[in-house]
Amino acid sequence: MINIPSPALSIVGRHNSGKTTLIERLIAELVRRGHDVGSVKHHSHVGFDIDIPGKDSYRHRAAGASETVIAAPGQMACVKTVEGELECADIVRGMPGHDIVVVEGYRKSGLPTVEIMRAGNEADARVAEVFAEGARCGWPLGTDFTQFTRGAVPHADDEAREALRRAEVDSREAAGRASGEHFKTQHPDHADISNKLPTANTVAVVTDIDVALEAAAIYGVPAFGFDDVAGLAGFVEEHYVRPRVTVVIQAGGESRRMGRSKATVPFAGRPLICRIVERLAPAADDLVITTNEPENLAFLHAEFPQLRIQLVRDVYDVRGALPGLCTALESARNPFVAVVACDMVFASASLVVAEALAMNESGADVVVPVNKHGFEPFHALYRRASCLPAVRAAVDRGEKRAQSFFGEVDVLEFTQDRVLEAEPMGGCFINANTPEELHALEESFLEK
């Protein structure tokens, strides 16, 4: 099976903010909703205990996380010694296959971040004051507000904005100085506050501090109470959990140039369809194969019993890419539908997941790769609810090309750079139309 990257979300706060309690409750709620959850616990100090009742790692696992990584400078809980401190992104990349990885700590991970501020925590309360001060003055989220907490705070006018710009320049120029030297602030722990303020990556706030709620509202950042775990889980599920995807492999029927069905032509000693199923299964919550000859592909039920593959006949008797796409959308059980041709020898589950995350984030109806040849509609992702009516209407008009309905829906073009980011090996769209092309691809595959 191919390992595919897991989406991740960081939850941060200061010491005794209640992060672990919130995280274990969030994990339990997401698991209850049927999601596979991994977790990461970061320690800034050297050394840690693993799986001892009461310890954070034990609590993550007891809540239902299927995999937990504990990380500290020089050590991580994978029976593996490392030099220095691992980057969060490296750890998450090593935890593939989850619907979401919830990270505790790693404030500077660059991940979407949930910020915790608890009223009973003095450091949280001071951060909340500075957070609210910046919000009232109209300073951008992510600005180091501690530069403006000495005495009277300037008003949010042109003069204040210019002061902010100058301070940001000064901050960059002073980056090499000793910690805190370039900050003028009334708090003795200004350096700690400046390093632990909400940032531009903050996507939600969990707090019981009124001024923090006020600031979140000003910035348009969703805020949740500590008891509203269901609300937080719903937010995470909607925006960050890997969306449910039906993967449809279009096998069609007999290929004139192949002299038989492409799905059953031999590739590396097995029917080609077996390779495509194995490559795409990691991204599939539901796997469908559309075909004009289901009886010839029935062997797949015995070959992959765990996948519960559906073999679906084409809805239309006429040939054409668009009628085939209509069958794919009609047969899907999930809102997102990845449609892939059965002769794409290097089809990529990672690309399917990247397209699904892009669709979830953008709200697009179609996420389609583009290259110098144009669209690649048969390694693309479709939103069933909006695309199916448009496709049916186009078929009724006599259209045959897959992209003929794109003008009626919201299309997000997935650039080659984004394709290669998801699948660095590339080659996702190479297909075999003739026995000679298939033989060349087989030789290339066997050489690797």
Protein backbone atom coordinates (compact mmCIF):
# COMPACT_ATOMS: atom_id res chain seq x y z
CA MET A 1 0.00 0.00 0.00
CA ILE A 2 1.13 3.59 -0.69
CA ASN A 3 1.61 5.93 2.25
CA ILE A 4 -0.28 9.19 1.81
CA PRO A 5 0.33 12.37 3.85
CA SER A 6 -1.99 13.12 6.76
CA PRO A 7 -3.52 16.57 7.26
CA ALA A 8 -2.59 18.05 10.64
CA LEU A 9 -3.77 20.69 13.12
CA SER A 10 -1.82 22.13 16.05
CA ILE A 11 -3.35 23.01 19.45
CA VAL A 12 -1.15 25.29 21.54
CA GLY A 13 -1.22 27.13 24.84
CA ARG A 14 0.97 27.88 27.79
CA HIS A 15 1.86 25.63 30.74
CA ASN A 16 -1.26 24.46 32.59
CA SER A 17 -3.58 25.89 29.91
CA GLY A 18 -5.47 22.60 29.77
CA LYS A 19 -4.16 21.56 26.34
CA THR A 20 -3.93 17.85 27.06
CA THR A 21 -7.40 17.66 28.58
CA LEU A 22 -8.89 19.43 25.58
CA ILE A 23 -6.90 17.29 23.16
CA GLU A 24 -7.91 13.97 24.72
CA ARG A 25 -11.55 15.05 24.60
CA LEU A 26 -11.21 16.19 20.98
CA ILE A 27 -9.52 12.92 20.00
CA ALA A 28 -12.25 10.90 21.69
CA GLU A 29 -14.97 12.88 19.90
CA LEU A 30 -13.31 12.55 16.48
CA VAL A 31 -12.79 8.81 17.03
CA ARG A 32 -16.43 8.50 18.07
CA ARG A 33 -17.31 10.07 14.73
CA GLY A 34 -15.42 7.34 12.92
CA HIS A 35 -12.13 9.08 12.16
CA ASP A 36 -8.63 7.61 12.46
CA VAL A 37 -6.67 10.08 14.60
CA GLY A 38 -2.94 10.26 15.14
CA SER A 39 -1.34 12.59 17.67
CA VAL A 40 1.98 14.24 18.46
CA LYS A 41 3.16 15.41 21.89
CA HIS A 42 6.06 17.87 21.89
CA HIS A 43 8.28 18.51 24.94
CA SER A 44 10.63 21.47 24.95
CA HIS A 45 12.73 19.79 27.65
CA VAL A 46 14.95 16.75 27.20
CA GLY A 47 13.55 13.37 28.20
CA PHE A 48 10.05 12.05 28.82
CA ASP A 49 8.10 9.07 30.12
CA ILE A 50 6.05 6.98 27.71
CA ASP A 51 2.67 5.37 28.33
CA ILE A 52 2.68 5.87 32.09
CA PRO A 53 -0.86 6.53 33.40
CA GLY A 54 -1.36 10.26 33.82
CA LYS A 55 1.33 11.22 31.32
CA ASP A 56 0.28 13.11 28.21
CA SER A 57 1.22 10.31 25.82
CA TYR A 58 -0.85 7.82 27.81
CA ARG A 59 -3.82 10.20 27.79
CA HIS A 60 -3.61 10.71 24.02
CA ARG A 61 -3.65 6.95 23.47
CA ALA A 62 -6.35 6.29 26.06
CA ALA A 63 -8.54 8.83 24.25
CA GLY A 64 -8.32 6.72 21.10
CA ALA A 65 -5.38 7.98 19.03
CA SER A 66 -4.20 5.08 16.85
CA GLU A 67 -0.67 6.43 16.76
CA THR A 68 1.10 8.83 19.12
CA VAL A 69 4.53 10.34 18.61
CA ILE A 70 6.24 11.87 21.66
CA ALA A 71 9.04 14.25 20.73
CA ALA A 72 11.67 16.20 22.68
CA PRO A 73 15.11 17.61 21.88
CA GLY A 74 17.33 14.66 21.02
CA GLN A 75 14.72 11.98 21.49
CA MET A 76 11.39 10.77 20.10
CA ALA A 77 9.21 7.84 21.05
CA CYS A 78 9.83 5.70 18.00
CA VAL A 79 12.79 3.75 19.31
CA LYS A 80 14.91 6.13 17.31
CA THR A 81 17.64 8.55 18.36
CA VAL A 82 17.85 11.87 16.53
CA GLU A 83 20.20 14.83 16.61
CA GLY A 84 18.76 18.11 17.80
CA GLU A 85 15.01 18.60 17.54
CA LEU A 86 12.85 17.20 14.74
CA GLU A 87 10.70 19.55 12.71
CA CYS A 88 6.98 19.01 13.18
CA ALA A 89 6.51 18.58 9.42
CA ASP A 90 9.01 15.70 9.42
CA ILE A 91 7.15 13.95 12.22
CA VAL A 92 3.76 14.38 10.54
CA ARG A 93 5.16 13.07 7.25
CA GLY A 94 6.19 9.97 9.17
CA MET A 95 2.58 9.39 10.31
CA PRO A 96 0.75 8.75 7.03
CA GLY A 97 -2.72 7.32 6.53
CA HIS A 98 -4.65 9.17 9.25
CA ASP A 99 -7.73 11.30 8.66
CA ILE A 100 -6.15 13.95 10.90
CA VAL A 101 -3.05 14.27 13.08
CA VAL A 102 -3.63 16.43 16.17
CA VAL A 103 -0.38 18.02 17.33
CA GLU A 104 0.12 19.26 20.89
CA GLY A 105 2.71 22.03 20.95
CA TYR A 106 5.06 23.03 18.10
CA ARG A 107 3.84 26.62 18.05
CA LYS A 108 6.07 27.49 15.09
CA SER A 109 5.09 24.44 13.04
CA GLY A 110 3.32 26.49 10.37
CA LEU A 111 0.25 24.28 10.78
CA PRO A 112 -3.26 25.65 11.21
CA THR A 113 -3.37 26.32 14.95
CA VAL A 114 -5.98 26.28 17.71
CA GLU A 115 -4.93 28.68 20.49
CA ILE A 116 -5.88 27.96 24.11
CA MET A 117 -6.18 30.70 26.77
CA ARG A 118 -7.48 29.79 30.23
CA ALA A 119 -8.61 32.37 32.78
CA GLY A 120 -6.87 30.63 35.69
CA ASN A 121 -3.48 30.79 33.99
CA GLU A 122 -1.58 34.05 34.59
CA ALA A 123 0.46 33.79 31.38
CA ASP A 124 -2.70 33.12 29.36
CA ALA A 125 -4.40 36.12 30.92
CA ARG A 126 -1.51 38.44 30.03
CA VAL A 127 -1.38 37.11 26.46
CA ALA A 128 -5.15 37.62 26.18
CA GLU A 129 -4.72 41.27 27.21
CA VAL A 130 -2.09 41.89 24.53
CA PHE A 131 -4.12 39.91 21.97
CA ALA A 132 -7.17 42.08 22.69
CA GLU A 133 -5.10 45.27 22.68
CA GLY A 134 -3.85 44.53 19.17
CA ALA A 135 -7.34 43.64 17.96
CA ARG A 136 -8.84 46.89 19.23
CA CYS A 137 -6.07 48.89 17.55
CA GLY A 138 -6.59 47.11 14.22
CA TRP A 139 -3.15 45.53 13.99
CA PRO A 140 -2.85 42.44 11.76
CA LEU A 141 -3.09 39.04 13.40
CA GLY A 142 0.45 37.77 13.80
CA THR A 143 1.98 41.18 14.61
CA ASP A 144 4.23 41.22 17.66
CA PHE A 145 1.89 43.36 19.77
CA THR A 146 4.30 43.48 22.71
CA GLN A 147 6.18 46.27 20.95
CA PHE A 148 3.22 48.54 21.71
CA THR A 149 2.49 47.64 25.32
CA ARG A 150 4.66 50.32 26.90
CA GLY A 151 2.47 53.03 28.34
CA ALA A 152 -0.23 54.47 26.07
CA VAL A 153 -1.10 52.41 23.02
CA PRO A 154 -1.34 54.39 19.76
CA HIS A 155 -4.70 54.63 18.06
CA ALA A 156 -5.47 52.64 14.94
CA ASP A 157 -4.88 55.54 12.55
CA ASP A 158 -2.33 56.25 9.85
CA GLU A 159 0.27 57.26 12.41
CA ALA A 160 -0.19 53.99 14.31
CA ARG A 161 0.04 51.94 11.15
CA GLU A 162 3.24 53.72 10.17
CA ALA A 163 4.60 53.10 13.68
CA LEU A 164 3.74 49.45 13.28
CA ARG A 165 5.53 49.29 9.92
CA ARG A 166 8.64 50.93 11.39
CA ALA A 167 8.57 48.60 14.37
CA GLU A 168 8.35 45.55 12.10
CA VAL A 169 11.41 46.81 10.19
CA ASP A 170 13.25 47.46 13.44
CA SER A 171 12.29 43.98 14.65
CA ARG A 172 13.75 42.34 11.56
CA GLU A 173 16.95 44.38 11.80
CA ALA A 174 17.31 43.50 15.47
CA ALA A 175 16.70 39.80 14.95
CA GLY A 176 20.29 39.00 15.80
CA ARG A 177 20.25 40.72 19.19
CA ALA A 178 19.73 39.03 22.50
CA SER A 179 16.23 37.77 23.16
CA GLY A 180 13.89 40.57 24.16
CA GLU A 181 16.39 43.41 23.72
CA HIS A 182 14.39 45.10 20.96
CA PHE A 183 11.00 44.89 22.72
CA LYS A 184 9.74 47.73 24.91
CA THR A 185 7.04 46.40 27.17
CA GLN A 186 5.55 46.77 30.60
CA HIS A 187 5.69 43.00 31.28
CA PRO A 188 8.89 41.49 32.67
CA ASP A 189 8.15 38.28 30.70
CA HIS A 190 7.68 40.17 27.42
CA ALA A 191 9.94 37.78 25.51
CA ASP A 192 7.80 34.81 26.54
CA ILE A 193 4.61 36.65 25.62
CA SER A 194 5.95 37.74 22.23
CA ASN A 195 6.83 34.13 21.41
CA LYS A 196 3.43 32.80 22.46
CA LEU A 197 0.92 35.18 20.95
CA PRO A 198 -1.66 34.02 18.42
CA THR A 199 -0.23 34.14 14.90
CA ALA A 200 -1.44 34.36 11.34
CA ASN A 201 -1.79 30.55 11.50
CA THR A 202 -4.38 30.79 14.30
CA VAL A 203 -7.64 29.34 12.97
CA ALA A 204 -9.60 29.05 16.23
CA VAL A 205 -9.44 30.02 19.90
CA VAL A 206 -10.54 28.01 22.92
CA THR A 207 -10.92 30.29 25.93
CA ASP A 208 -12.97 31.41 28.90
CA ILE A 209 -11.38 34.88 28.97
CA ASP A 210 -13.74 37.65 27.90
CA VAL A 211 -11.12 39.88 26.28
CA ALA A 212 -9.81 36.93 24.27
CA LEU A 213 -13.34 36.23 23.04
CA GLU A 214 -13.61 39.91 22.11
CA ALA A 215 -10.34 39.81 20.18
CA ALA A 216 -11.29 36.61 18.36
CA ALA A 217 -14.56 38.21 17.26
CA ILE A 218 -12.73 41.28 15.94
CA TYR A 219 -10.33 39.10 13.95
CA GLY A 220 -13.12 36.85 12.72
CA VAL A 221 -11.52 33.79 14.30
CA PRO A 222 -13.98 31.14 15.60
CA ALA A 223 -13.96 30.85 19.41
CA PHE A 224 -15.09 27.92 21.57
CA GLY A 225 -15.55 27.38 25.27
CA PHE A 226 -13.68 24.60 27.03
CA ASP A 227 -16.90 22.61 27.35
CA ASP A 228 -17.82 22.98 23.68
CA VAL A 229 -15.73 20.03 22.47
CA ALA A 230 -18.47 18.97 20.06
CA GLY A 231 -18.42 22.43 18.46
CA LEU A 232 -14.63 22.37 18.14
CA ALA A 233 -14.71 18.84 16.71
CA GLY A 234 -17.31 19.92 14.19
CA PHE A 235 -15.11 22.85 13.13
CA VAL A 236 -12.05 20.60 12.81
CA GLU A 237 -14.05 17.98 10.93
CA GLU A 238 -15.44 20.53 8.48
CA HIS A 239 -12.17 22.30 7.70
CA TYR A 240 -9.23 19.98 8.46
CA VAL A 241 -10.17 16.30 8.61
CA ARG A 242 -9.47 14.47 5.35
CA PRO A 243 -12.74 14.54 3.40
CA ARG A 244 -14.52 11.28 2.55
CA VAL A 245 -13.79 10.33 -1.05
CA THR A 246 -15.26 7.79 -3.45
CA VAL A 247 -12.58 6.69 -5.90
CA VAL A 248 -14.00 5.60 -9.25
CA ILE A 249 -11.73 3.69 -11.63
CA GLN A 250 -13.08 3.82 -15.15
CA ALA A 251 -12.44 0.44 -16.76
CA GLY A 252 -14.95 0.73 -19.61
CA GLY A 253 -14.90 -2.27 -21.94
CA GLU A 254 -12.92 -3.63 -24.85
CA SER A 255 -10.21 -1.39 -26.27
CA ARG A 256 -9.90 -1.62 -30.05
CA ARG A 257 -6.17 -0.86 -30.00
CA MET A 258 -5.49 -3.29 -27.15
CA GLY A 259 -7.74 -5.98 -28.62
CA ARG A 260 -9.25 -6.56 -25.18
CA SER A 261 -10.26 -4.67 -22.05
CA LYS A 262 -7.43 -2.47 -20.76
CA ALA A 263 -8.37 -3.53 -17.25
CA THR A 264 -7.41 -7.16 -17.89
CA VAL A 265 -4.26 -6.74 -19.99
CA PRO A 266 -1.26 -8.22 -18.15
CA PHE A 267 1.07 -5.85 -16.34
CA ALA A 268 4.00 -7.22 -14.32
CA GLY A 269 2.33 -10.62 -14.23
CA ARG A 270 -1.12 -9.46 -13.09
CA PRO A 271 -4.14 -7.76 -14.66
CA LEU A 272 -3.49 -4.01 -14.98
CA ILE A 273 -6.60 -3.21 -12.92
CA CYS A 274 -4.99 -4.87 -9.87
CA ARG A 275 -2.14 -2.38 -9.94
CA ILE A 276 -4.49 0.59 -10.25
CA VAL A 277 -6.65 -0.66 -7.37
CA GLU A 278 -3.61 -1.10 -5.12
CA ARG A 279 -2.29 2.37 -5.94
CA LEU A 280 -5.58 4.19 -5.29
CA ALA A 281 -7.08 2.17 -2.42
CA PRO A 282 -5.27 4.17 0.32
CA ALA A 283 -7.21 7.30 -0.73
CA ALA A 284 -10.58 5.54 -1.09
CA ASP A 285 -13.31 5.48 1.53
CA ASP A 286 -15.41 3.78 -1.14
CA LEU A 287 -14.03 2.12 -4.29
CA VAL A 288 -16.06 1.81 -7.51
CA ILE A 289 -15.08 0.38 -10.88
CA THR A 290 -17.28 1.35 -13.82
CA THR A 291 -17.22 -1.24 -16.58
CA ASN A 292 -19.23 -2.67 -19.47
CA GLU A 293 -18.10 -6.18 -18.52
CA PRO A 294 -18.49 -6.65 -14.75
CA GLU A 295 -18.46 -10.43 -15.16
CA ASN A 296 -14.83 -10.25 -16.37
CA LEU A 297 -13.77 -8.23 -13.33
CA ALA A 298 -15.60 -10.26 -10.69
CA PHE A 299 -12.26 -11.80 -9.69
CA LEU A 300 -11.48 -8.50 -7.92
CA HIS A 301 -13.90 -9.37 -5.11
CA ALA A 302 -11.74 -12.36 -4.19
CA GLU A 303 -8.50 -10.47 -4.86
CA PHE A 304 -9.41 -7.52 -2.61
CA PRO A 305 -12.18 -8.70 -0.24
CA GLN A 306 -11.39 -5.98 2.32
CA LEU A 307 -12.14 -3.18 -0.17
CA ARG A 308 -15.73 -4.19 -0.96
CA ILE A 309 -15.33 -3.01 -4.53
CA GLN A 310 -18.48 -2.08 -6.43
CA LEU A 311 -18.62 -3.08 -10.11
CA VAL A 312 -21.03 -0.72 -11.86
CA ARG A 313 -22.27 -0.85 -15.46
CA ASP A 314 -22.21 2.34 -17.49
CA VAL A 315 -25.49 4.25 -17.37
CA TYR A 316 -25.34 5.13 -21.07
CA ASP A 317 -24.90 2.78 -24.03
CA VAL A 318 -23.01 5.44 -26.00
CA ARG A 319 -19.24 5.85 -25.87
CA GLY A 320 -17.70 9.06 -24.60
CA ALA A 321 -15.80 10.50 -21.68
CA LEU A 322 -18.71 12.57 -20.38
CA PRO A 323 -21.27 9.71 -20.23
CA GLY A 324 -18.64 7.70 -18.34
CA LEU A 325 -18.15 10.57 -15.91
CA CYS A 326 -21.91 10.66 -15.35
CA THR A 327 -21.87 6.97 -14.36
CA ALA A 328 -18.98 7.64 -11.97
CA LEU A 329 -20.82 10.46 -10.21
CA GLU A 330 -24.10 8.57 -10.00
CA SER A 331 -22.46 5.52 -8.43
CA ALA A 332 -20.55 7.45 -5.73
CA ARG A 333 -21.61 7.29 -2.07
CA ASN A 334 -19.47 10.19 -0.84
CA PRO A 335 -19.67 13.92 -1.61
CA PHE A 336 -16.18 14.03 -3.18
CA VAL A 337 -15.54 11.77 -6.18
CA ALA A 338 -12.09 11.06 -7.65
CA VAL A 339 -12.31 9.71 -11.19
CA VAL A 340 -9.24 7.94 -12.61
CA ALA A 341 -8.73 6.06 -15.88
CA CYS A 342 -7.71 2.41 -15.47
CA ASP A 343 -4.70 2.78 -17.78
CA MET A 344 -2.95 5.44 -15.69
CA VAL A 345 -0.17 3.14 -14.54
CA PHE A 346 1.26 5.63 -12.04
CA ALA A 347 -2.03 6.97 -10.67
CA SER A 348 -1.44 8.59 -7.28
CA ALA A 349 -3.40 8.27 -4.04
CA SER A 350 -1.42 11.21 -2.65
CA LEU A 351 -2.64 13.40 -5.50
CA VAL A 352 -6.25 12.37 -4.83
CA VAL A 353 -5.89 13.38 -1.17
CA ALA A 354 -4.23 16.69 -2.11
CA GLU A 355 -7.08 17.45 -4.51
CA ALA A 356 -9.65 16.60 -1.81
CA LEU A 357 -8.01 18.93 0.69
CA ALA A 358 -7.85 21.69 -1.95
CA MET A 359 -11.54 21.22 -2.72
CA ASN A 360 -12.41 21.33 0.97
CA GLU A 361 -10.42 24.53 1.47
CA SER A 362 -11.50 26.33 -1.70
CA GLY A 363 -15.12 25.23 -2.00
CA ALA A 364 -14.53 24.44 -5.68
CA ASP A 365 -16.77 22.00 -7.56
CA VAL A 366 -13.93 20.51 -9.62
CA VAL A 367 -10.22 20.27 -8.81
CA VAL A 368 -8.49 19.32 -12.04
CA PRO A 369 -4.77 19.02 -12.81
CA VAL A 370 -3.53 21.18 -15.68
CA ASN A 371 -0.37 20.97 -17.76
CA LYS A 372 0.84 22.12 -21.16
CA HIS A 373 -1.64 19.75 -22.80
CA GLY A 374 -4.62 21.20 -20.92
CA PHE A 375 -6.93 19.57 -18.38
CA GLU A 376 -6.49 16.03 -16.97
CA PRO A 377 -10.15 15.26 -16.16
CA PHE A 378 -9.43 11.59 -15.47
CA HIS A 379 -7.21 12.16 -12.47
CA ALA A 380 -9.45 14.93 -11.10
CA LEU A 381 -11.83 15.37 -8.18
CA TYR A 382 -15.52 16.29 -8.48
CA ARG A 383 -18.08 17.54 -5.99
CA ARG A 384 -20.99 15.19 -6.64
CA ALA A 385 -23.85 17.49 -5.59
CA SER A 386 -22.99 20.27 -8.04
CA CYS A 387 -21.32 18.33 -10.84
CA LEU A 388 -23.86 15.55 -11.38
CA PRO A 389 -26.73 17.85 -12.51
CA ALA A 390 -24.35 19.78 -14.79
CA VAL A 391 -22.98 16.58 -16.30
CA ARG A 392 -26.45 15.14 -16.90
CA ALA A 393 -27.52 18.34 -18.66
CA ALA A 394 -24.40 18.29 -20.85
CA VAL A 395 -24.95 14.63 -21.79
CA ASP A 396 -28.56 15.44 -22.70
CA ARG A 397 -27.22 18.15 -25.04
CA GLY A 398 -25.14 15.51 -26.80
CA GLU A 399 -21.78 16.54 -25.32
CA LYS A 400 -19.04 13.89 -25.16
CA ARG A 401 -15.92 15.67 -23.80
CA ALA A 402 -15.42 15.39 -20.04
CA GLN A 403 -14.64 19.10 -19.57
CA SER A 404 -17.62 20.31 -21.61
CA PHE A 405 -19.53 21.22 -18.41
CA PHE A 406 -16.65 23.07 -16.70
CA GLY A 407 -18.09 26.46 -17.64
CA GLU A 408 -21.15 25.77 -15.48
CA VAL A 409 -19.31 24.95 -12.22
CA ASP A 410 -16.49 26.39 -10.10
CA VAL A 411 -13.24 24.86 -11.36
CA LEU A 412 -9.93 25.01 -9.45
CA GLU A 413 -6.95 24.35 -11.70
CA PHE A 414 -4.34 22.22 -9.92
CA THR A 415 -1.00 23.39 -11.30
CA GLN A 416 1.97 21.17 -12.12
CA ASP A 417 3.82 22.59 -9.10
CA ARG A 418 1.00 21.45 -6.82
CA VAL A 419 0.87 18.06 -8.52
CA LEU A 420 4.59 17.54 -7.94
CA GLU A 421 4.27 18.72 -4.35
CA ALA A 422 1.70 15.96 -3.79
CA GLU A 423 3.47 13.35 -5.91
CA PRO A 424 7.20 14.18 -6.29
CA MET A 425 7.78 11.18 -8.57
CA GLY A 426 5.38 12.66 -11.14
CA GLY A 427 4.11 10.63 -14.07
CA CYS A 428 0.58 10.44 -12.68
CA PHE A 429 -1.09 11.07 -16.03
CA ILE A 430 0.91 8.68 -18.22
CA ASN A 431 -1.48 6.21 -19.79
CA ALA A 432 -1.17 3.22 -22.11
CA ASN A 433 -3.24 3.30 -25.28
CA THR A 434 -1.46 0.59 -27.23
CA PRO A 435 0.30 -2.72 -26.42
CA GLU A 436 3.61 -1.05 -27.30
CA GLU A 437 3.03 1.81 -24.85
CA LEU A 438 2.01 -0.61 -22.12
CA HIS A 439 5.11 -2.76 -22.75
CA ALA A 440 7.36 0.31 -22.48
CA LEU A 441 5.71 1.33 -19.20
CA GLU A 442 6.04 -2.21 -17.88
CA GLU A 443 9.74 -2.30 -18.65
CA SER A 444 10.20 1.06 -16.93
CA PHE A 445 8.32 -0.21 -13.88
CA LEU A 446 10.27 -3.47 -13.67
CA GLU A 447 13.59 -1.63 -13.97
CA LYS A 448 12.71 0.40 -10.86
